[in-house]
Amino acid sequence: METIEKIKQQIAENTILLYMKGSPKLPSCGFSSQASQAVMACGVPFAYVDILQNPDIRAELPKYANWPTFPQLWVEGELIGGCDIMLEMFQQGELQPLLKEAHARQQAAAAE
């Protein structure tokens, strides 16, 4: 599968998706650590892709997303942003409802 197709599929299949270095339990950089902690603090399940284990995605995602850095948070197929944006949204109380509502919509759709 082409890398761009793989990225599109990951984004389509996961309501809340964090592209990061490492994993939420063992992040490999400070930005990924802060970003995953903010998402985990929202209390909803999310998927992640470790770009260190996926060099093809690490190379292609910035071009596809038109966003040069990692981590990247995607919600319902839309790029929310990187670490600074996530932390700012979290501190302003905007990230929690965004993720909770996306999760609720996904749960409702799955129940139909």
N, C-alpha and C. Protein backbone atom coordinates (compact mmCIF):
# COMPACT_ATOMS: atom_id res chain seq x y z
N MET A 1 0.84 -1.19 0.00
CA MET A 1 0.00 0.00 0.00
C MET A 1 0.88 1.25 0.00
N GLU A 2 0.51 2.21 -0.82
CA GLU A 2 1.25 3.47 -0.85
C GLU A 2 1.18 4.16 0.50
N THR A 3 2.23 4.85 0.85
CA THR A 3 2.29 5.51 2.15
C THR A 3 1.14 6.50 2.35
N ILE A 4 0.86 7.31 1.33
CA ILE A 4 -0.22 8.30 1.45
C ILE A 4 -1.56 7.59 1.66
N GLU A 5 -1.76 6.48 0.96
CA GLU A 5 -3.00 5.71 1.15
C GLU A 5 -3.09 5.17 2.57
N LYS A 6 -1.96 4.71 3.09
CA LYS A 6 -1.91 4.19 4.46
C LYS A 6 -2.27 5.31 5.45
N ILE A 7 -1.72 6.49 5.25
CA ILE A 7 -2.01 7.64 6.12
C ILE A 7 -3.50 7.98 6.05
N LYS A 8 -4.05 8.05 4.84
CA LYS A 8 -5.48 8.37 4.68
C LYS A 8 -6.34 7.33 5.39
N GLN A 9 -5.96 6.06 5.27
CA GLN A 9 -6.72 4.99 5.91
C GLN A 9 -6.65 5.12 7.44
N GLN A 10 -5.47 5.39 7.98
CA GLN A 10 -5.32 5.55 9.44
C GLN A 10 -6.19 6.70 9.93
N ILE A 11 -6.17 7.81 9.21
CA ILE A 11 -6.94 8.98 9.61
C ILE A 11 -8.43 8.69 9.52
N ALA A 12 -8.84 7.97 8.48
CA ALA A 12 -10.26 7.64 8.30
C ALA A 12 -10.76 6.64 9.35
N GLU A 13 -9.91 5.71 9.75
CA GLU A 13 -10.34 4.64 10.64
C GLU A 13 -10.31 5.02 12.12
N ASN A 14 -9.61 6.11 12.46
CA ASN A 14 -9.46 6.48 13.87
C ASN A 14 -10.02 7.88 14.11
N THR A 15 -11.04 7.94 14.95
CA THR A 15 -11.68 9.23 15.25
C THR A 15 -10.67 10.21 15.83
N ILE A 16 -9.86 9.73 16.78
CA ILE A 16 -8.84 10.56 17.41
C ILE A 16 -7.51 9.85 17.21
N LEU A 17 -6.61 10.50 16.49
CA LEU A 17 -5.34 9.88 16.12
C LEU A 17 -4.18 10.83 16.38
N LEU A 18 -3.18 10.33 17.09
CA LEU A 18 -2.01 11.13 17.40
C LEU A 18 -0.79 10.50 16.72
N TYR A 19 -0.19 11.24 15.82
CA TYR A 19 1.08 10.83 15.24
C TYR A 19 2.16 11.40 16.16
N MET A 20 3.02 10.52 16.68
CA MET A 20 4.00 10.96 17.67
C MET A 20 5.27 10.15 17.59
N LYS A 21 6.28 10.59 18.32
CA LYS A 21 7.53 9.85 18.44
C LYS A 21 7.44 9.01 19.71
N GLY A 22 7.44 7.68 19.52
CA GLY A 22 7.27 6.78 20.65
C GLY A 22 5.81 6.44 20.85
N SER A 23 5.45 6.08 22.08
CA SER A 23 4.07 5.73 22.42
C SER A 23 3.63 6.60 23.60
N PRO A 24 2.32 6.66 23.88
CA PRO A 24 1.88 7.46 25.02
C PRO A 24 2.54 7.04 26.33
N LYS A 25 2.80 5.75 26.49
CA LYS A 25 3.44 5.28 27.72
C LYS A 25 4.95 5.50 27.72
N LEU A 26 5.56 5.48 26.53
CA LEU A 26 7.00 5.69 26.40
C LEU A 26 7.31 6.66 25.27
N PRO A 27 6.96 7.94 25.46
CA PRO A 27 7.25 8.90 24.39
C PRO A 27 8.75 9.09 24.22
N SER A 28 9.15 9.36 22.99
CA SER A 28 10.58 9.49 22.66
C SER A 28 11.03 10.94 22.50
N CYS A 29 10.14 11.90 22.75
CA CYS A 29 10.57 13.30 22.75
C CYS A 29 9.64 14.09 23.65
N GLY A 30 10.11 15.22 24.10
CA GLY A 30 9.35 16.03 25.04
C GLY A 30 8.03 16.52 24.48
N PHE A 31 8.03 16.89 23.19
CA PHE A 31 6.79 17.39 22.59
C PHE A 31 5.75 16.28 22.51
N SER A 32 6.18 15.08 22.11
CA SER A 32 5.25 13.95 22.04
C SER A 32 4.74 13.60 23.44
N SER A 33 5.61 13.71 24.43
CA SER A 33 5.21 13.43 25.81
C SER A 33 4.13 14.40 26.27
N GLN A 34 4.34 15.69 26.05
CA GLN A 34 3.36 16.70 26.47
C GLN A 34 2.04 16.53 25.72
N ALA A 35 2.14 16.27 24.43
CA ALA A 35 0.94 16.13 23.61
C ALA A 35 0.13 14.91 24.04
N SER A 36 0.79 13.78 24.23
CA SER A 36 0.05 12.57 24.61
C SER A 36 -0.54 12.71 26.00
N GLN A 37 0.14 13.41 26.92
CA GLN A 37 -0.41 13.63 28.26
C GLN A 37 -1.67 14.49 28.18
N ALA A 38 -1.65 15.51 27.33
CA ALA A 38 -2.84 16.37 27.18
C ALA A 38 -4.02 15.57 26.64
N VAL A 39 -3.77 14.73 25.64
CA VAL A 39 -4.84 13.93 25.05
C VAL A 39 -5.34 12.90 26.08
N MET A 40 -4.42 12.23 26.77
CA MET A 40 -4.83 11.25 27.79
C MET A 40 -5.64 11.90 28.90
N ALA A 41 -5.30 13.14 29.26
CA ALA A 41 -6.01 13.85 30.33
C ALA A 41 -7.46 14.16 29.95
N CYS A 42 -7.77 14.10 28.67
CA CYS A 42 -9.15 14.35 28.22
C CYS A 42 -10.05 13.14 28.48
N GLY A 43 -9.44 11.99 28.77
CA GLY A 43 -10.20 10.83 29.22
C GLY A 43 -10.96 10.08 28.15
N VAL A 44 -10.55 10.20 26.90
CA VAL A 44 -11.20 9.42 25.84
C VAL A 44 -10.16 8.56 25.15
N PRO A 45 -10.57 7.39 24.66
CA PRO A 45 -9.59 6.55 23.95
C PRO A 45 -9.14 7.20 22.65
N PHE A 46 -7.90 6.95 22.31
CA PHE A 46 -7.36 7.48 21.06
C PHE A 46 -6.34 6.50 20.51
N ALA A 47 -6.11 6.60 19.21
CA ALA A 47 -5.11 5.77 18.55
C ALA A 47 -3.85 6.61 18.38
N TYR A 48 -2.73 5.92 18.22
CA TYR A 48 -1.49 6.64 17.95
C TYR A 48 -0.68 5.85 16.95
N VAL A 49 0.20 6.55 16.25
CA VAL A 49 1.15 5.93 15.34
C VAL A 49 2.53 6.44 15.75
N ASP A 50 3.43 5.50 16.02
CA ASP A 50 4.81 5.84 16.37
C ASP A 50 5.57 6.05 15.06
N ILE A 51 5.87 7.31 14.76
CA ILE A 51 6.53 7.61 13.48
C ILE A 51 7.97 7.11 13.45
N LEU A 52 8.56 6.85 14.62
CA LEU A 52 9.92 6.31 14.64
C LEU A 52 9.94 4.88 14.13
N GLN A 53 8.82 4.17 14.30
CA GLN A 53 8.69 2.80 13.78
C GLN A 53 8.18 2.78 12.34
N ASN A 54 7.79 3.94 11.85
CA ASN A 54 7.20 4.05 10.51
C ASN A 54 7.87 5.19 9.74
N PRO A 55 9.13 4.98 9.30
CA PRO A 55 9.86 6.06 8.64
C PRO A 55 9.18 6.56 7.37
N ASP A 56 8.42 5.70 6.71
CA ASP A 56 7.71 6.13 5.50
C ASP A 56 6.65 7.18 5.86
N ILE A 57 5.92 6.93 6.94
CA ILE A 57 4.91 7.90 7.39
C ILE A 57 5.59 9.17 7.89
N ARG A 58 6.69 9.00 8.59
CA ARG A 58 7.43 10.16 9.09
C ARG A 58 7.86 11.07 7.93
N ALA A 59 8.21 10.47 6.81
CA ALA A 59 8.66 11.23 5.65
C ALA A 59 7.50 11.87 4.89
N GLU A 60 6.38 11.16 4.77
CA GLU A 60 5.29 11.60 3.89
C GLU A 60 4.22 12.43 4.59
N LEU A 61 3.97 12.18 5.88
CA LEU A 61 2.86 12.88 6.55
C LEU A 61 3.01 14.40 6.54
N PRO A 62 4.20 14.96 6.79
CA PRO A 62 4.29 16.43 6.75
C PRO A 62 3.86 17.03 5.41
N LYS A 63 4.14 16.33 4.32
CA LYS A 63 3.72 16.82 3.00
C LYS A 63 2.21 16.70 2.85
N TYR A 64 1.67 15.54 3.26
CA TYR A 64 0.23 15.31 3.14
C TYR A 64 -0.55 16.31 4.00
N ALA A 65 -0.07 16.52 5.24
CA ALA A 65 -0.77 17.37 6.20
C ALA A 65 -0.48 18.85 5.99
N ASN A 66 0.57 19.13 5.23
CA ASN A 66 1.05 20.50 5.09
C ASN A 66 1.40 21.06 6.47
N TRP A 67 1.97 20.20 7.30
CA TRP A 67 2.36 20.54 8.67
C TRP A 67 3.72 19.89 8.91
N PRO A 68 4.78 20.67 9.19
CA PRO A 68 6.14 20.13 9.14
C PRO A 68 6.59 19.30 10.34
N THR A 69 5.91 19.43 11.47
CA THR A 69 6.46 18.84 12.70
C THR A 69 5.57 17.76 13.29
N PHE A 70 6.13 17.05 14.24
CA PHE A 70 5.41 16.06 15.03
C PHE A 70 5.52 16.47 16.49
N PRO A 71 4.55 16.12 17.31
CA PRO A 71 3.36 15.31 17.03
C PRO A 71 2.30 16.07 16.22
N GLN A 72 1.35 15.28 15.70
CA GLN A 72 0.20 15.83 14.99
C GLN A 72 -1.05 15.15 15.54
N LEU A 73 -2.04 15.95 15.89
CA LEU A 73 -3.32 15.41 16.37
C LEU A 73 -4.37 15.57 15.28
N TRP A 74 -5.01 14.45 14.93
CA TRP A 74 -6.09 14.44 13.94
C TRP A 74 -7.37 14.02 14.65
N VAL A 75 -8.45 14.77 14.43
CA VAL A 75 -9.74 14.45 15.02
C VAL A 75 -10.78 14.45 13.90
N GLU A 76 -11.45 13.32 13.75
CA GLU A 76 -12.47 13.17 12.71
C GLU A 76 -11.96 13.61 11.34
N GLY A 77 -10.75 13.18 11.02
CA GLY A 77 -10.20 13.42 9.70
C GLY A 77 -9.61 14.81 9.50
N GLU A 78 -9.58 15.62 10.55
CA GLU A 78 -9.08 16.99 10.43
C GLU A 78 -7.85 17.18 11.30
N LEU A 79 -6.84 17.82 10.75
CA LEU A 79 -5.63 18.11 11.51
C LEU A 79 -5.93 19.23 12.50
N ILE A 80 -5.73 18.96 13.78
CA ILE A 80 -5.94 19.97 14.82
C ILE A 80 -4.67 20.80 14.98
N GLY A 81 -3.52 20.11 15.00
CA GLY A 81 -2.25 20.83 15.08
C GLY A 81 -1.22 20.05 15.85
N GLY A 82 -0.16 20.74 16.21
CA GLY A 82 0.95 20.14 16.92
C GLY A 82 0.89 20.39 18.41
N CYS A 83 2.02 20.17 19.06
CA CYS A 83 2.10 20.22 20.51
C CYS A 83 1.64 21.56 21.07
N ASP A 84 2.15 22.66 20.55
CA ASP A 84 1.80 23.98 21.10
C ASP A 84 0.31 24.24 21.02
N ILE A 85 -0.29 23.91 19.88
CA ILE A 85 -1.73 24.13 19.69
C ILE A 85 -2.52 23.24 20.64
N MET A 86 -2.12 21.96 20.76
CA MET A 86 -2.82 21.04 21.67
C MET A 86 -2.77 21.54 23.10
N LEU A 87 -1.58 21.96 23.55
CA LEU A 87 -1.44 22.41 24.93
C LEU A 87 -2.24 23.69 25.19
N GLU A 88 -2.21 24.60 24.22
CA GLU A 88 -2.98 25.83 24.36
C GLU A 88 -4.48 25.52 24.44
N MET A 89 -4.95 24.65 23.56
CA MET A 89 -6.36 24.27 23.58
C MET A 89 -6.72 23.57 24.89
N PHE A 90 -5.82 22.72 25.38
CA PHE A 90 -6.08 22.01 26.64
C PHE A 90 -6.19 23.01 27.79
N GLN A 91 -5.24 23.94 27.85
CA GLN A 91 -5.22 24.92 28.94
C GLN A 91 -6.43 25.85 28.89
N GLN A 92 -6.94 26.11 27.70
CA GLN A 92 -8.11 26.98 27.56
C GLN A 92 -9.42 26.19 27.65
N GLY A 93 -9.32 24.89 27.89
CA GLY A 93 -10.52 24.07 28.03
C GLY A 93 -11.23 23.77 26.72
N GLU A 94 -10.51 23.88 25.61
CA GLU A 94 -11.12 23.63 24.29
C GLU A 94 -10.89 22.20 23.80
N LEU A 95 -9.77 21.58 24.22
CA LEU A 95 -9.44 20.25 23.72
C LEU A 95 -10.37 19.18 24.29
N GLN A 96 -10.69 19.29 25.58
CA GLN A 96 -11.51 18.28 26.24
C GLN A 96 -12.86 18.11 25.55
N PRO A 97 -13.65 19.19 25.36
CA PRO A 97 -14.94 18.98 24.69
C PRO A 97 -14.79 18.53 23.23
N LEU A 98 -13.78 19.03 22.55
CA LEU A 98 -13.56 18.60 21.16
C LEU A 98 -13.39 17.09 21.08
N LEU A 99 -12.53 16.53 21.93
CA LEU A 99 -12.27 15.09 21.90
C LEU A 99 -13.46 14.30 22.43
N LYS A 100 -14.10 14.79 23.50
CA LYS A 100 -15.25 14.07 24.07
C LYS A 100 -16.41 14.01 23.08
N GLU A 101 -16.66 15.13 22.39
CA GLU A 101 -17.77 15.16 21.42
C GLU A 101 -17.46 14.27 20.22
N ALA A 102 -16.21 14.27 19.75
CA ALA A 102 -15.82 13.40 18.64
C ALA A 102 -15.98 11.94 19.04
N HIS A 103 -15.56 11.61 20.25
CA HIS A 103 -15.70 10.24 20.75
C HIS A 103 -17.17 9.85 20.86
N ALA A 104 -17.99 10.75 21.37
CA ALA A 104 -19.43 10.48 21.51
C ALA A 104 -20.08 10.24 20.15
N ARG A 105 -19.71 11.06 19.14
CA ARG A 105 -20.26 10.87 17.79
C ARG A 105 -19.85 9.51 17.23
N GLN A 106 -18.60 9.13 17.48
CA GLN A 106 -18.11 7.85 16.99
C GLN A 106 -18.86 6.70 17.67
N GLN A 107 -19.10 6.82 18.99
CA GLN A 107 -19.84 5.79 19.73
C GLN A 107 -21.27 5.68 19.20
N ALA A 108 -21.89 6.82 18.96
CA ALA A 108 -23.27 6.83 18.46
C ALA A 108 -23.35 6.19 17.08
N ALA A 109 -22.39 6.50 16.23
CA ALA A 109 -22.38 5.92 14.89
C ALA A 109 -22.16 4.42 14.95
N ALA A 110 -21.32 3.97 15.87
CA ALA A 110 -21.04 2.54 16.00
C ALA A 110 -22.26 1.79 16.53
N ALA A 111 -23.11 2.47 17.30
CA ALA A 111 -24.28 1.83 17.89
C ALA A 111 -25.42 1.69 16.89
N GLU A 112 -25.37 2.44 15.80
CA GLU A 112 -26.48 2.40 14.82
C GLU A 112 -26.50 1.11 14.04
